[in-house]
Amino acid sequence: MEEFELVSEIREVEVIARGGRVRSRRRLNKIYGRGIWRKMKGIAVAEFPSGRRMVVEVHWYEAHGIGRREFKVKLRGEEV
């Protein structure tokens, strides 16, 4: 898994899937607790261990009362 840290707010947030359409729902319920899970995506600036900063599309799961979990960089954009 790629290491990174988000160094900006996430913008252009969209719901990709919610409820029963989230494929990892059973696993998420087992690890983090029962919730109405949503798979989300948005744009942010991420810093990588090399010190490089890039605009990226980031995906994650979130549920009310549980919060955001399992951030993944899915698409890299321009370097900042």
C-alpha atoms as a PDB file:
ATOM      1  CA  MET A   1       0.000   0.000   0.000  1.00  0.00           C
ATOM      2  CA  GLU A   2       1.266   3.411  -0.937  1.00  0.00           C
ATOM      3  CA  GLU A   3       2.027   5.799   1.933  1.00  0.00           C
ATOM      4  CA  PHE A   4       0.865   9.407   1.677  1.00  0.00           C
ATOM      5  CA  GLU A   5      -0.481  12.266   3.770  1.00  0.00           C
ATOM      6  CA  LEU A   6      -3.251  14.603   2.677  1.00  0.00           C
ATOM      7  CA  VAL A   7      -2.026  18.204   3.020  1.00  0.00           C
ATOM      8  CA  SER A   8      -5.163  20.001   1.806  1.00  0.00           C
ATOM      9  CA  GLU A   9      -8.907  19.867   2.205  1.00  0.00           C
ATOM     10  CA  ILE A  10     -10.707  17.337   0.019  1.00  0.00           C
ATOM     11  CA  ARG A  11     -12.786  19.110  -2.613  1.00  0.00           C
ATOM     12  CA  GLU A  12     -15.213  18.019  -5.336  1.00  0.00           C
ATOM     13  CA  VAL A  13     -16.453  15.226  -3.046  1.00  0.00           C
ATOM     14  CA  GLU A  14     -18.760  12.665  -4.675  1.00  0.00           C
ATOM     15  CA  VAL A  15     -20.501   9.499  -3.490  1.00  0.00           C
ATOM     16  CA  ILE A  16     -19.483   6.512  -5.632  1.00  0.00           C
ATOM     17  CA  ALA A  17     -21.634   3.877  -3.841  1.00  0.00           C
ATOM     18  CA  ARG A  18     -23.803   3.672  -0.732  1.00  0.00           C
ATOM     19  CA  GLY A  19     -25.430   1.014   1.434  1.00  0.00           C
ATOM     20  CA  GLY A  20     -25.785  -2.371  -0.235  1.00  0.00           C
ATOM     21  CA  ARG A  21     -23.868  -1.206  -3.295  1.00  0.00           C
ATOM     22  CA  VAL A  22     -20.599  -0.920  -1.301  1.00  0.00           C
ATOM     23  CA  ARG A  23     -18.839  -4.207  -2.092  1.00  0.00           C
ATOM     24  CA  SER A  24     -16.663  -4.167   1.046  1.00  0.00           C
ATOM     25  CA  ARG A  25     -19.624  -3.553   3.398  1.00  0.00           C
ATOM     26  CA  ARG A  26     -19.323  -6.829   5.334  1.00  0.00           C
ATOM     27  CA  ARG A  27     -15.592  -6.394   5.867  1.00  0.00           C
ATOM     28  CA  LEU A  28     -16.022  -2.753   6.945  1.00  0.00           C
ATOM     29  CA  ASN A  29     -18.779  -3.719   9.416  1.00  0.00           C
ATOM     30  CA  LYS A  30     -16.541  -6.422  10.890  1.00  0.00           C
ATOM     31  CA  ILE A  31     -13.457  -4.172  11.267  1.00  0.00           C
ATOM     32  CA  TYR A  32     -14.962  -0.770  12.172  1.00  0.00           C
ATOM     33  CA  GLY A  33     -18.516  -1.549  13.300  1.00  0.00           C
ATOM     34  CA  ARG A  34     -21.947  -1.553  11.723  1.00  0.00           C
ATOM     35  CA  GLY A  35     -22.849   1.511   9.740  1.00  0.00           C
ATOM     36  CA  ILE A  36     -24.394   2.746   6.541  1.00  0.00           C
ATOM     37  CA  TRP A  37     -21.192   2.823   4.531  1.00  0.00           C
ATOM     38  CA  ARG A  38     -20.538   5.064   1.555  1.00  0.00           C
ATOM     39  CA  LYS A  39     -17.629   4.889  -0.869  1.00  0.00           C
ATOM     40  CA  MET A  40     -16.462   8.432  -1.644  1.00  0.00           C
ATOM     41  CA  LYS A  41     -14.027  10.200  -3.952  1.00  0.00           C
ATOM     42  CA  GLY A  42     -12.572  13.686  -4.114  1.00  0.00           C
ATOM     43  CA  ILE A  43      -9.568  15.781  -5.128  1.00  0.00           C
ATOM     44  CA  ALA A  44      -6.790  16.799  -2.703  1.00  0.00           C
ATOM     45  CA  VAL A  45      -3.062  17.524  -2.478  1.00  0.00           C
ATOM     46  CA  ALA A  46      -1.068  14.574  -1.113  1.00  0.00           C
ATOM     47  CA  GLU A  47       2.527  14.471   0.087  1.00  0.00           C
ATOM     48  CA  PHE A  48       4.496  11.261  -0.443  1.00  0.00           C
ATOM     49  CA  PRO A  49       7.487  10.008   1.616  1.00  0.00           C
ATOM     50  CA  SER A  50       9.858  11.326  -1.066  1.00  0.00           C
ATOM     51  CA  GLY A  51       8.603  14.849  -0.271  1.00  0.00           C
ATOM     52  CA  ARG A  52       6.797  15.101  -3.588  1.00  0.00           C
ATOM     53  CA  ARG A  53       3.398  16.850  -3.510  1.00  0.00           C
ATOM     54  CA  MET A  54       0.790  16.071  -6.140  1.00  0.00           C
ATOM     55  CA  VAL A  55      -2.859  16.775  -6.846  1.00  0.00           C
ATOM     56  CA  VAL A  56      -4.559  13.365  -6.565  1.00  0.00           C
ATOM     57  CA  GLU A  57      -7.950  11.717  -6.733  1.00  0.00           C
ATOM     58  CA  VAL A  58      -8.467  10.018  -3.404  1.00  0.00           C
ATOM     59  CA  HIS A  59     -11.069   7.338  -2.557  1.00  0.00           C
ATOM     60  CA  TRP A  60     -12.231   6.323   0.936  1.00  0.00           C
ATOM     61  CA  TYR A  61     -15.090   4.769   2.900  1.00  0.00           C
ATOM     62  CA  GLU A  62     -17.130   6.640   5.492  1.00  0.00           C
ATOM     63  CA  ALA A  63     -20.085   6.009   7.790  1.00  0.00           C
ATOM     64  CA  HIS A  64     -21.928   8.313  10.181  1.00  0.00           C
ATOM     65  CA  GLY A  65     -20.540   7.977  13.705  1.00  0.00           C
ATOM     66  CA  ILE A  66     -17.510   6.008  12.455  1.00  0.00           C
ATOM     67  CA  GLY A  67     -15.814   8.540  10.179  1.00  0.00           C
ATOM     68  CA  ARG A  68     -13.541   8.262   7.165  1.00  0.00           C
ATOM     69  CA  ARG A  69     -11.483   5.091   6.734  1.00  0.00           C
ATOM     70  CA  GLU A  70      -9.059   3.467   4.261  1.00  0.00           C
ATOM     71  CA  PHE A  71      -7.878   6.333   2.059  1.00  0.00           C
ATOM     72  CA  LYS A  72      -6.394   5.313  -1.318  1.00  0.00           C
ATOM     73  CA  VAL A  73      -4.800   7.370  -4.088  1.00  0.00           C
ATOM     74  CA  LYS A  74      -6.451   6.276  -7.309  1.00  0.00           C
ATOM     75  CA  LEU A  75      -5.270   8.849  -9.848  1.00  0.00           C
ATOM     76  CA  ARG A  76      -2.321  11.225  -9.821  1.00  0.00           C
ATOM     77  CA  GLY A  77      -2.412  14.652 -11.376  1.00  0.00           C
ATOM     78  CA  GLU A  78       0.107  17.458 -11.684  1.00  0.00           C
ATOM     79  CA  GLU A  79       2.916  18.066  -9.208  1.00  0.00           C
ATOM     80  CA  VAL A  80       2.449  21.000  -6.855  1.00  0.00           C
END
